[in-house]
C-alpha atoms as a PDB file:
ATOM      1  CA  MET A   1      -4.058   9.869  -1.653  1.00  0.00           C
ATOM      2  CA  THR A   2      -0.348  10.482  -0.621  1.00  0.00           C
ATOM      3  CA  LYS A   3       1.773   7.435  -1.659  1.00  0.00           C
ATOM      4  CA  LYS A   4       3.688   6.039   1.275  1.00  0.00           C
ATOM      5  CA  ASP A   5       6.985   4.159   1.855  1.00  0.00           C
ATOM      6  CA  ILE A   6       5.952   0.987   3.623  1.00  0.00           C
ATOM      7  CA  LEU A   7       8.142  -1.793   4.978  1.00  0.00           C
ATOM      8  CA  VAL A   8       6.355  -5.300   4.764  1.00  0.00           C
ATOM      9  CA  THR A   9       7.770  -8.144   6.968  1.00  0.00           C
ATOM     10  CA  GLY A  10       6.933 -11.693   5.932  1.00  0.00           C
ATOM     11  CA  ALA A  11       6.551 -10.400   2.392  1.00  0.00           C
ATOM     12  CA  THR A  12       7.370 -13.602   0.723  1.00  0.00           C
ATOM     13  CA  GLY A  13       4.800 -15.569   2.810  1.00  0.00           C
ATOM     14  CA  GLN A  14       1.078 -15.764   2.219  1.00  0.00           C
ATOM     15  CA  GLN A  15      -0.241 -13.010   4.403  1.00  0.00           C
ATOM     16  CA  GLY A  16       2.744 -10.608   3.963  1.00  0.00           C
ATOM     17  CA  GLY A  17       2.667 -11.314   0.169  1.00  0.00           C
ATOM     18  CA  ALA A  18      -0.894 -10.378  -0.085  1.00  0.00           C
ATOM     19  CA  VAL A  19      -0.255  -7.028   1.724  1.00  0.00           C
ATOM     20  CA  ALA A  20       2.745  -6.213  -0.463  1.00  0.00           C
ATOM     21  CA  ARG A  21       0.871  -7.014  -3.751  1.00  0.00           C
ATOM     22  CA  VAL A  22      -2.160  -4.692  -2.708  1.00  0.00           C
ATOM     23  CA  LEU A  23       0.128  -1.894  -1.633  1.00  0.00           C
ATOM     24  CA  LEU A  24       2.020  -2.060  -4.935  1.00  0.00           C
ATOM     25  CA  SER A  25      -1.178  -2.151  -6.827  1.00  0.00           C
ATOM     26  CA  LYS A  26      -2.205   1.161  -5.180  1.00  0.00           C
ATOM     27  CA  GLY A  27       1.075   2.839  -6.104  1.00  0.00           C
ATOM     28  CA  HIS A  28       2.728   2.724  -2.712  1.00  0.00           C
ATOM     29  CA  ARG A  29       6.561   2.181  -2.412  1.00  0.00           C
ATOM     30  CA  VAL A  30       7.151  -1.135  -0.764  1.00  0.00           C
ATOM     31  CA  LYS A  31      10.124  -2.485   0.936  1.00  0.00           C
ATOM     32  CA  ALA A  32       9.773  -6.230   1.202  1.00  0.00           C
ATOM     33  CA  LEU A  33      11.803  -7.744   4.068  1.00  0.00           C
ATOM     34  CA  THR A  34      12.789 -11.369   3.646  1.00  0.00           C
ATOM     35  CA  ARG A  35      15.385 -13.847   4.837  1.00  0.00           C
ATOM     36  CA  SER A  36      15.576 -15.146   1.207  1.00  0.00           C
ATOM     37  CA  PRO A  37      16.159 -12.186  -0.899  1.00  0.00           C
ATOM     38  CA  ASP A  38      17.221 -14.457  -3.978  1.00  0.00           C
ATOM     39  CA  GLY A  39      14.136 -16.726  -3.647  1.00  0.00           C
ATOM     40  CA  LYS A  40      11.300 -17.122  -6.207  1.00  0.00           C
ATOM     41  CA  ALA A  41       8.827 -15.173  -4.188  1.00  0.00           C
ATOM     42  CA  ALA A  42      11.288 -12.247  -3.655  1.00  0.00           C
ATOM     43  CA  ARG A  43      12.002 -12.197  -7.402  1.00  0.00           C
ATOM     44  CA  GLN A  44       8.408 -11.905  -8.185  1.00  0.00           C
ATOM     45  CA  LEU A  45       7.941  -9.089  -5.760  1.00  0.00           C
ATOM     46  CA  ALA A  46      10.932  -7.332  -7.293  1.00  0.00           C
ATOM     47  CA  ALA A  47       9.477  -7.685 -10.751  1.00  0.00           C
ATOM     48  CA  ASP A  48       6.160  -6.290  -9.375  1.00  0.00           C
ATOM     49  CA  GLY A  49       8.017  -3.091  -8.209  1.00  0.00           C
ATOM     50  CA  ALA A  50       8.988  -3.976  -4.585  1.00  0.00           C
ATOM     51  CA  GLU A  51      12.499  -3.158  -3.063  1.00  0.00           C
ATOM     52  CA  ILE A  52      13.687  -6.339  -1.688  1.00  0.00           C
ATOM     53  CA  VAL A  53      15.769  -6.078   1.611  1.00  0.00           C
ATOM     54  CA  ALA A  54      17.466  -8.908   3.504  1.00  0.00           C
ATOM     55  CA  GLY A  55      16.477  -9.054   7.133  1.00  0.00           C
ATOM     56  CA  ASP A  56      15.391 -11.336  10.049  1.00  0.00           C
ATOM     57  CA  LEU A  57      12.927 -10.571  12.738  1.00  0.00           C
ATOM     58  CA  SER A  58      15.330 -11.839  15.278  1.00  0.00           C
ATOM     59  CA  ASP A  59      18.101  -9.429  14.138  1.00  0.00           C
ATOM     60  CA  ALA A  60      17.195  -5.923  15.511  1.00  0.00           C
ATOM     61  CA  ALA A  61      19.952  -4.247  13.363  1.00  0.00           C
ATOM     62  CA  SER A  62      18.487  -5.537  10.173  1.00  0.00           C
ATOM     63  CA  ILE A  63      15.103  -4.317  10.983  1.00  0.00           C
ATOM     64  CA  VAL A  64      16.202  -0.873  12.129  1.00  0.00           C
ATOM     65  CA  LYS A  65      18.226  -0.592   8.807  1.00  0.00           C
ATOM     66  CA  ALA A  66      15.338  -1.589   6.757  1.00  0.00           C
ATOM     67  CA  ALA A  67      12.822   0.503   8.626  1.00  0.00           C
ATOM     68  CA  ARG A  68      14.585   3.768   8.624  1.00  0.00           C
ATOM     69  CA  GLY A  69      12.804   6.356   6.342  1.00  0.00           C
ATOM     70  CA  VAL A  70       9.582   4.359   5.954  1.00  0.00           C
ATOM     71  CA  ASP A  71       6.139   5.842   6.747  1.00  0.00           C
ATOM     72  CA  THR A  72       4.590   2.618   7.803  1.00  0.00           C
ATOM     73  CA  MET A  73       5.763  -0.893   8.930  1.00  0.00           C
ATOM     74  CA  PHE A  74       3.611  -4.033   8.714  1.00  0.00           C
ATOM     75  CA  LEU A  75       4.671  -6.629  11.210  1.00  0.00           C
ATOM     76  CA  MET A  76       3.634 -10.064  11.416  1.00  0.00           C
ATOM     77  CA  GLY A  77       5.037 -13.358  12.899  1.00  0.00           C
ATOM     78  CA  ASN A  78       4.523 -17.088  12.189  1.00  0.00           C
ATOM     79  CA  SER A  79       4.072 -19.278  15.239  1.00  0.00           C
ATOM     80  CA  TYR A  80       3.999 -22.444  13.246  1.00  0.00           C
ATOM     81  CA  GLU A  81       7.320 -21.645  11.718  1.00  0.00           C
ATOM     82  CA  ALA A  82       9.206 -20.109  14.575  1.00  0.00           C
ATOM     83  CA  GLY A  83       7.282 -21.480  17.538  1.00  0.00           C
ATOM     84  CA  LEU A  84       5.235 -19.707  20.191  1.00  0.00           C
ATOM     85  CA  GLU A  85       7.802 -18.278  22.343  1.00  0.00           C
ATOM     86  CA  GLU A  86      10.105 -17.216  19.528  1.00  0.00           C
ATOM     87  CA  GLU A  87       7.220 -15.530  17.678  1.00  0.00           C
ATOM     88  CA  THR A  88       6.639 -13.438  20.681  1.00  0.00           C
ATOM     89  CA  ARG A  89      10.231 -12.684  21.164  1.00  0.00           C
ATOM     90  CA  GLN A  90      10.716 -11.704  17.387  1.00  0.00           C
ATOM     91  CA  GLY A  91       7.642  -9.599  17.532  1.00  0.00           C
ATOM     92  CA  ILE A  92       9.045  -7.649  20.471  1.00  0.00           C
ATOM     93  CA  ILE A  93      12.483  -7.321  18.891  1.00  0.00           C
ATOM     94  CA  ALA A  94      10.849  -5.999  15.650  1.00  0.00           C
ATOM     95  CA  ALA A  95       8.483  -3.555  17.414  1.00  0.00           C
ATOM     96  CA  ASP A  96      11.314  -2.147  19.414  1.00  0.00           C
ATOM     97  CA  ALA A  97      13.342  -1.735  16.252  1.00  0.00           C
ATOM     98  CA  ALA A  98      10.312   0.170  14.591  1.00  0.00           C
ATOM     99  CA  LYS A  99      10.488   2.535  17.470  1.00  0.00           C
ATOM    100  CA  ALA A 100      14.303   2.858  17.219  1.00  0.00           C
ATOM    101  CA  ALA A 101      13.984   3.476  13.575  1.00  0.00           C
ATOM    102  CA  GLY A 102      11.371   6.291  13.995  1.00  0.00           C
ATOM    103  CA  VAL A 103       8.556   4.447  12.061  1.00  0.00           C
ATOM    104  CA  GLY A 104       5.475   6.720  11.893  1.00  0.00           C
ATOM    105  CA  HIS A 105       2.817   3.978  11.924  1.00  0.00           C
ATOM    106  CA  LEU A 106       3.308   0.256  13.045  1.00  0.00           C
ATOM    107  CA  ILE A 107       0.579  -2.066  11.889  1.00  0.00           C
ATOM    108  CA  TYR A 108       0.805  -5.409  13.702  1.00  0.00           C
ATOM    109  CA  SER A 109      -0.843  -8.515  12.459  1.00  0.00           C
ATOM    110  CA  SER A 110      -2.520 -10.376  15.324  1.00  0.00           C
ATOM    111  CA  VAL A 111      -5.705 -12.644  15.189  1.00  0.00           C
ATOM    112  CA  ALA A 112      -9.230 -11.784  15.886  1.00  0.00           C
ATOM    113  CA  ASP A 113     -10.230 -12.207  19.570  1.00  0.00           C
ATOM    114  CA  ALA A 114      -6.590 -12.673  20.726  1.00  0.00           C
ATOM    115  CA  ASP A 115      -7.505 -10.100  23.352  1.00  0.00           C
ATOM    116  CA  ARG A 116     -10.402 -12.150  24.849  1.00  0.00           C
ATOM    117  CA  ASN A 117      -8.199 -14.522  26.969  1.00  0.00           C
ATOM    118  CA  THR A 118      -9.141 -17.471  24.738  1.00  0.00           C
ATOM    119  CA  GLY A 119      -6.321 -19.809  26.098  1.00  0.00           C
ATOM    120  CA  ILE A 120      -5.302 -20.609  22.626  1.00  0.00           C
ATOM    121  CA  PRO A 121      -1.464 -20.648  22.589  1.00  0.00           C
ATOM    122  CA  HIS A 122      -0.996 -19.076  19.235  1.00  0.00           C
ATOM    123  CA  PHE A 123      -3.509 -16.400  20.006  1.00  0.00           C
ATOM    124  CA  ASP A 124      -1.795 -15.615  23.310  1.00  0.00           C
ATOM    125  CA  SER A 125       1.619 -15.441  21.701  1.00  0.00           C
ATOM    126  CA  LYS A 126       0.374 -12.630  19.416  1.00  0.00           C
ATOM    127  CA  TYR A 127      -1.476 -10.907  22.127  1.00  0.00           C
ATOM    128  CA  ARG A 128       1.702 -10.602  24.223  1.00  0.00           C
ATOM    129  CA  VAL A 129       3.260  -8.681  21.239  1.00  0.00           C
ATOM    130  CA  GLU A 130       0.091  -6.521  21.105  1.00  0.00           C
ATOM    131  CA  GLN A 131       0.498  -5.642  24.818  1.00  0.00           C
ATOM    132  CA  HIS A 132       4.130  -4.801  24.294  1.00  0.00           C
ATOM    133  CA  ILE A 133       3.347  -2.514  21.364  1.00  0.00           C
ATOM    134  CA  GLU A 134       0.821  -0.673  23.307  1.00  0.00           C
ATOM    135  CA  ARG A 135       3.351   0.219  25.934  1.00  0.00           C
ATOM    136  CA  LEU A 136       6.010   1.559  23.423  1.00  0.00           C
ATOM    137  CA  GLY A 137       4.246   4.902  23.015  1.00  0.00           C
ATOM    138  CA  ILE A 138       4.405   4.879  19.176  1.00  0.00           C
ATOM    139  CA  PRO A 139       1.555   5.248  16.776  1.00  0.00           C
ATOM    140  CA  TYR A 140       0.119   1.790  15.986  1.00  0.00           C
ATOM    141  CA  THR A 141      -2.818  -0.254  14.760  1.00  0.00           C
ATOM    142  CA  ILE A 142      -3.719  -3.853  15.289  1.00  0.00           C
ATOM    143  CA  SER A 143      -4.977  -5.731  12.438  1.00  0.00           C
ATOM    144  CA  ALA A 144      -6.624  -8.999  13.535  1.00  0.00           C
ATOM    145  CA  PRO A 145      -7.977 -11.267  10.865  1.00  0.00           C
ATOM    146  CA  VAL A 146     -10.057 -14.349  11.439  1.00  0.00           C
ATOM    147  CA  ALA A 147      -9.412 -17.774   9.843  1.00  0.00           C
ATOM    148  CA  PHE A 148      -8.280 -17.692   6.247  1.00  0.00           C
ATOM    149  CA  MET A 149     -10.354 -19.111   3.418  1.00  0.00           C
ATOM    150  CA  GLU A 150      -7.155 -20.343   1.831  1.00  0.00           C
ATOM    151  CA  ASN A 151      -6.694 -22.851   4.802  1.00  0.00           C
ATOM    152  CA  PHE A 152      -9.137 -25.128   3.103  1.00  0.00           C
ATOM    153  CA  VAL A 153      -6.661 -25.622   0.194  1.00  0.00           C
ATOM    154  CA  ALA A 154      -3.525 -25.735   2.370  1.00  0.00           C
ATOM    155  CA  PRO A 155      -1.363 -28.856   2.107  1.00  0.00           C
ATOM    156  CA  TRP A 156      -3.063 -30.451   5.195  1.00  0.00           C
ATOM    157  CA  SER A 157      -6.637 -30.100   3.446  1.00  0.00           C
ATOM    158  CA  ILE A 158      -6.261 -30.295  -0.257  1.00  0.00           C
ATOM    159  CA  GLY A 159      -5.722 -34.186  -0.211  1.00  0.00           C
ATOM    160  CA  ALA A 160      -9.198 -34.791   1.310  1.00  0.00           C
ATOM    161  CA  LEU A 161     -10.910 -32.234  -0.821  1.00  0.00           C
ATOM    162  CA  SER A 162      -9.489 -33.866  -4.027  1.00  0.00           C
ATOM    163  CA  GLN A 163     -11.348 -36.947  -2.758  1.00  0.00           C
ATOM    164  CA  GLY A 164     -14.542 -35.204  -2.518  1.00  0.00           C
ATOM    165  CA  THR A 165     -14.350 -34.386   1.345  1.00  0.00           C
ATOM    166  CA  HIS A 166     -14.279 -30.991   3.009  1.00  0.00           C
ATOM    167  CA  ALA A 167     -12.894 -32.072   6.508  1.00  0.00           C
ATOM    168  CA  PHE A 168     -12.692 -29.748   9.559  1.00  0.00           C
ATOM    169  CA  PRO A 169     -12.845 -30.361  13.257  1.00  0.00           C
ATOM    170  CA  VAL A 170     -16.068 -28.461  14.075  1.00  0.00           C
ATOM    171  CA  PRO A 171     -19.670 -29.623  13.919  1.00  0.00           C
ATOM    172  CA  THR A 172     -21.426 -29.479  10.524  1.00  0.00           C
ATOM    173  CA  LYS A 173     -23.740 -26.678  11.215  1.00  0.00           C
ATOM    174  CA  ARG A 174     -21.400 -24.626  13.441  1.00  0.00           C
ATOM    175  CA  LEU A 175     -20.760 -21.030  12.003  1.00  0.00           C
ATOM    176  CA  LEU A 176     -17.322 -20.033  11.266  1.00  0.00           C
ATOM    177  CA  GLN A 177     -16.092 -16.674  10.244  1.00  0.00           C
ATOM    178  CA  LEU A 178     -13.491 -16.507   7.328  1.00  0.00           C
ATOM    179  CA  VAL A 179     -11.508 -14.053   5.414  1.00  0.00           C
ATOM    180  CA  ALA A 180      -9.651 -14.081   2.119  1.00  0.00           C
ATOM    181  CA  LEU A 181      -5.965 -13.400   1.992  1.00  0.00           C
ATOM    182  CA  ALA A 182      -6.720 -10.637  -0.660  1.00  0.00           C
ATOM    183  CA  ASP A 183      -9.027  -8.881   1.834  1.00  0.00           C
ATOM    184  CA  ILE A 184      -6.233  -8.932   4.395  1.00  0.00           C
ATOM    185  CA  GLY A 185      -3.858  -7.177   2.010  1.00  0.00           C
ATOM    186  CA  ALA A 186      -6.699  -4.609   1.107  1.00  0.00           C
ATOM    187  CA  PHE A 187      -7.668  -3.918   4.750  1.00  0.00           C
ATOM    188  CA  VAL A 188      -4.031  -3.365   5.766  1.00  0.00           C
ATOM    189  CA  ALA A 189      -3.636  -1.012   2.836  1.00  0.00           C
ATOM    190  CA  ALA A 190      -6.863   0.821   4.070  1.00  0.00           C
ATOM    191  CA  LEU A 191      -5.281   1.160   7.583  1.00  0.00           C
ATOM    192  CA  ALA A 192      -1.962   2.530   6.155  1.00  0.00           C
ATOM    193  CA  GLU A 193      -3.929   4.985   4.131  1.00  0.00           C
ATOM    194  CA  ARG A 194      -6.180   6.117   7.044  1.00  0.00           C
ATOM    195  CA  ARG A 195      -3.105   6.440   9.332  1.00  0.00           C
ATOM    196  CA  GLU A 196      -4.012   9.023  12.073  1.00  0.00           C
ATOM    197  CA  ASN A 197      -7.545   8.017  11.980  1.00  0.00           C
ATOM    198  CA  VAL A 198      -6.756   4.342  13.096  1.00  0.00           C
ATOM    199  CA  PHE A 199      -3.875   5.092  15.635  1.00  0.00           C
ATOM    200  CA  GLY A 200      -4.210   3.180  18.825  1.00  0.00           C
ATOM    201  CA  LYS A 201      -7.149   1.016  17.584  1.00  0.00           C
ATOM    202  CA  ARG A 202      -7.732  -2.704  17.249  1.00  0.00           C
ATOM    203  CA  PHE A 203      -9.641  -4.127  14.321  1.00  0.00           C
ATOM    204  CA  ASP A 204     -11.005  -7.706  14.175  1.00  0.00           C
ATOM    205  CA  PHE A 205     -12.116  -8.466  10.561  1.00  0.00           C
ATOM    206  CA  ALA A 206     -13.836 -11.048   8.519  1.00  0.00           C
ATOM    207  CA  GLY A 207     -15.452 -11.391   5.070  1.00  0.00           C
ATOM    208  CA  ASP A 208     -17.945 -14.047   5.623  1.00  0.00           C
ATOM    209  CA  GLU A 209     -19.622 -16.356   8.135  1.00  0.00           C
ATOM    210  CA  LEU A 210     -21.026 -19.739   7.174  1.00  0.00           C
ATOM    211  CA  SER A 211     -21.145 -23.394   8.285  1.00  0.00           C
ATOM    212  CA  GLY A 212     -19.142 -26.366   7.163  1.00  0.00           C
ATOM    213  CA  GLU A 213     -22.226 -27.659   5.527  1.00  0.00           C
ATOM    214  CA  GLU A 214     -22.710 -24.343   3.636  1.00  0.00           C
ATOM    215  CA  GLN A 215     -19.088 -24.217   2.599  1.00  0.00           C
ATOM    216  CA  ALA A 216     -19.437 -27.850   1.223  1.00  0.00           C
ATOM    217  CA  ARG A 217     -22.415 -26.819  -0.797  1.00  0.00           C
ATOM    218  CA  ILE A 218     -20.595 -23.855  -2.294  1.00  0.00           C
ATOM    219  CA  LEU A 219     -17.539 -25.882  -3.037  1.00  0.00           C
ATOM    220  CA  SER A 220     -19.677 -28.447  -4.689  1.00  0.00           C
ATOM    221  CA  GLU A 221     -21.355 -25.862  -7.004  1.00  0.00           C
ATOM    222  CA  VAL A 222     -17.962 -24.141  -7.987  1.00  0.00           C
ATOM    223  CA  ILE A 223     -15.829 -27.224  -8.359  1.00  0.00           C
ATOM    224  CA  GLY A 224     -18.627 -28.960 -10.297  1.00  0.00           C
ATOM    225  CA  ARG A 225     -18.721 -32.307  -8.332  1.00  0.00           C
ATOM    226  CA  PRO A 226     -20.069 -33.382  -4.984  1.00  0.00           C
ATOM    227  CA  ILE A 227     -18.133 -32.228  -1.951  1.00  0.00           C
ATOM    228  CA  ALA A 228     -19.268 -33.614   1.382  1.00  0.00           C
ATOM    229  CA  TYR A 229     -18.549 -32.026   4.750  1.00  0.00           C
ATOM    230  CA  GLN A 230     -16.865 -34.330   7.271  1.00  0.00           C
ATOM    231  CA  GLU A 231     -16.331 -33.352  10.938  1.00  0.00           C
ATOM    232  CA  ILE A 232     -12.958 -34.461  12.168  1.00  0.00           C
ATOM    233  CA  PRO A 233     -13.158 -35.820  15.769  1.00  0.00           C
ATOM    234  CA  ILE A 234     -11.427 -33.415  18.056  1.00  0.00           C
ATOM    235  CA  ALA A 235      -9.329 -36.190  19.439  1.00  0.00           C
ATOM    236  CA  ALA A 236      -7.819 -36.786  15.943  1.00  0.00           C
ATOM    237  CA  ALA A 237      -7.017 -33.023  15.732  1.00  0.00           C
ATOM    238  CA  ARG A 238      -5.506 -33.228  19.237  1.00  0.00           C
ATOM    239  CA  GLN A 239      -3.016 -35.978  18.152  1.00  0.00           C
ATOM    240  CA  GLN A 240      -1.639 -33.517  15.615  1.00  0.00           C
ATOM    241  CA  SER A 241      -1.521 -30.379  17.670  1.00  0.00           C
ATOM    242  CA  GLU A 242      -2.881 -29.484  21.190  1.00  0.00           C
ATOM    243  CA  ASP A 243      -2.735 -25.757  20.177  1.00  0.00           C
ATOM    244  CA  ALA A 244      -4.935 -26.441  17.111  1.00  0.00           C
ATOM    245  CA  ALA A 245      -7.382 -28.633  19.043  1.00  0.00           C
ATOM    246  CA  LEU A 246      -7.791 -25.872  21.722  1.00  0.00           C
ATOM    247  CA  MET A 247      -8.678 -23.491  18.859  1.00  0.00           C
ATOM    248  CA  PHE A 248     -11.156 -25.893  17.192  1.00  0.00           C
ATOM    249  CA  GLU A 249     -12.826 -26.430  20.546  1.00  0.00           C
ATOM    250  CA  TRP A 250     -13.142 -22.667  21.027  1.00  0.00           C
ATOM    251  CA  PHE A 251     -14.468 -22.264  17.568  1.00  0.00           C
ATOM    252  CA  ASP A 252     -17.373 -24.673  18.658  1.00  0.00           C
ATOM    253  CA  ARG A 253     -17.785 -23.147  22.103  1.00  0.00           C
ATOM    254  CA  GLU A 254     -17.552 -19.425  21.189  1.00  0.00           C
ATOM    255  CA  GLY A 255     -15.902 -18.558  18.023  1.00  0.00           C
ATOM    256  CA  TYR A 256     -15.176 -15.291  16.247  1.00  0.00           C
ATOM    257  CA  ASP A 257     -17.792 -12.481  16.522  1.00  0.00           C
ATOM    258  CA  VAL A 258     -16.965  -9.798  13.959  1.00  0.00           C
ATOM    259  CA  ASP A 259     -19.729  -7.426  13.048  1.00  0.00           C
ATOM    260  CA  ILE A 260     -19.375  -8.087   9.351  1.00  0.00           C
ATOM    261  CA  ALA A 261     -22.020  -5.654   8.151  1.00  0.00           C
ATOM    262  CA  ALA A 262     -20.496  -2.818  10.180  1.00  0.00           C
ATOM    263  CA  LEU A 263     -17.116  -3.633   8.842  1.00  0.00           C
ATOM    264  CA  ARG A 264     -18.362  -3.470   5.192  1.00  0.00           C
ATOM    265  CA  ARG A 265     -20.087  -0.209   6.085  1.00  0.00           C
ATOM    266  CA  ASP A 266     -16.944   1.359   7.708  1.00  0.00           C
ATOM    267  CA  PHE A 267     -14.596   0.028   5.082  1.00  0.00           C
ATOM    268  CA  PRO A 268     -16.233   0.240   1.783  1.00  0.00           C
ATOM    269  CA  ASP A 269     -12.925   0.583   0.031  1.00  0.00           C
ATOM    270  CA  VAL A 270     -12.075  -3.066   0.613  1.00  0.00           C
ATOM    271  CA  ARG A 271     -13.619  -5.351  -1.948  1.00  0.00           C
ATOM    272  CA  TRP A 272     -14.829  -7.921   0.607  1.00  0.00           C
ATOM    273  CA  HIS A 273     -14.999 -11.577  -0.685  1.00  0.00           C
ATOM    274  CA  SER A 274     -17.745 -13.816   0.315  1.00  0.00           C
ATOM    275  CA  PHE A 275     -16.687 -17.451   0.566  1.00  0.00           C
ATOM    276  CA  ALA A 276     -18.539 -18.059  -2.835  1.00  0.00           C
ATOM    277  CA  ASP A 277     -16.541 -14.990  -4.320  1.00  0.00           C
ATOM    278  CA  TRP A 278     -13.249 -16.535  -3.073  1.00  0.00           C
ATOM    279  CA  ALA A 279     -14.124 -20.081  -4.284  1.00  0.00           C
ATOM    280  CA  LYS A 280     -15.229 -18.822  -7.734  1.00  0.00           C
ATOM    281  CA  ALA A 281     -11.903 -17.019  -8.235  1.00  0.00           C
ATOM    282  CA  PHE A 282      -9.646 -19.835  -7.077  1.00  0.00           C
ATOM    283  CA  ASP A 283      -7.958 -22.144  -9.533  1.00  0.00           C
ATOM    284  CA  TRP A 284      -9.276 -25.611  -8.752  1.00  0.00           C
ATOM    285  CA  SER A 285      -7.055 -27.281 -11.162  1.00  0.00           C
ATOM    286  CA  VAL A 286      -4.867 -28.048  -8.124  1.00  0.00           C
ATOM    287  CA  LEU A 287      -7.275 -30.746  -7.346  1.00  0.00           C
ATOM    288  CA  ALA A 288      -6.042 -32.779 -10.227  1.00  0.00           C
ATOM    289  CA  GLN A 289      -2.442 -32.658  -8.941  1.00  0.00           C
ATOM    290  CA  PRO A 290      -1.068 -35.039  -6.240  1.00  0.00           C
ATOM    291  CA  ALA A 291      -1.604 -33.955  -2.668  1.00  0.00           C
ATOM    292  CA  VAL A 292       1.697 -32.740  -1.025  1.00  0.00           C
END
């Protein structure tokens, strides 16, 4: 396998960090783009072997400068941090910069089913970037993960979990597809390594599919104490975020539909984590800490 020079945006965040770590572990040369080159996460990536470069997705010049000479660029946005319109704007700026820099392969991180006219705002914001990339005439691949397993231990979830409740705004028996961050990193690495074989393609991907009831049972077994599933009323979710509420309603009405068996067959080089695999590997000592 030829080692590649790869620019990773969002490298100090959850998803971008997972991508950078897997690429480094496989011997690729990683440029980690960040707005905080002196931050803790950037210093850790540097210690792991990444070249840290300062840049901002809203600054085309900084992206062009960072992207010159790389084989592949991994591009992702963050609607929760930037806002929906700004996420789309930044994605278009960065994609144009990738073209200007002569990047040989642009991998854009969207979300599964964003191309299905879901009406979910943060799906649509990503899909608009996809559509722009398709029109650029450059080699690209769309990486589209389902919901993250790590969302269940995010700051907005960990408090209830520490009290013995796995709370989520979908019915108890409704199946939901999930993927571990480690698998996102491994899948993007696989796309970068397959290169010409995945140009112009869009990949929805997931690691497991199970109900909230099944998730709670696995969490109970792994954590070693009872965890009960609780369906949060959609009205309560809507008070927090209309965008999220629309997504939860879509989860219940349609939901992700990745062919997980086919995915595992086609990408055997990814060590796909089931929800149980992920839960067993997670450090549950965080439950003893105060919720933040």
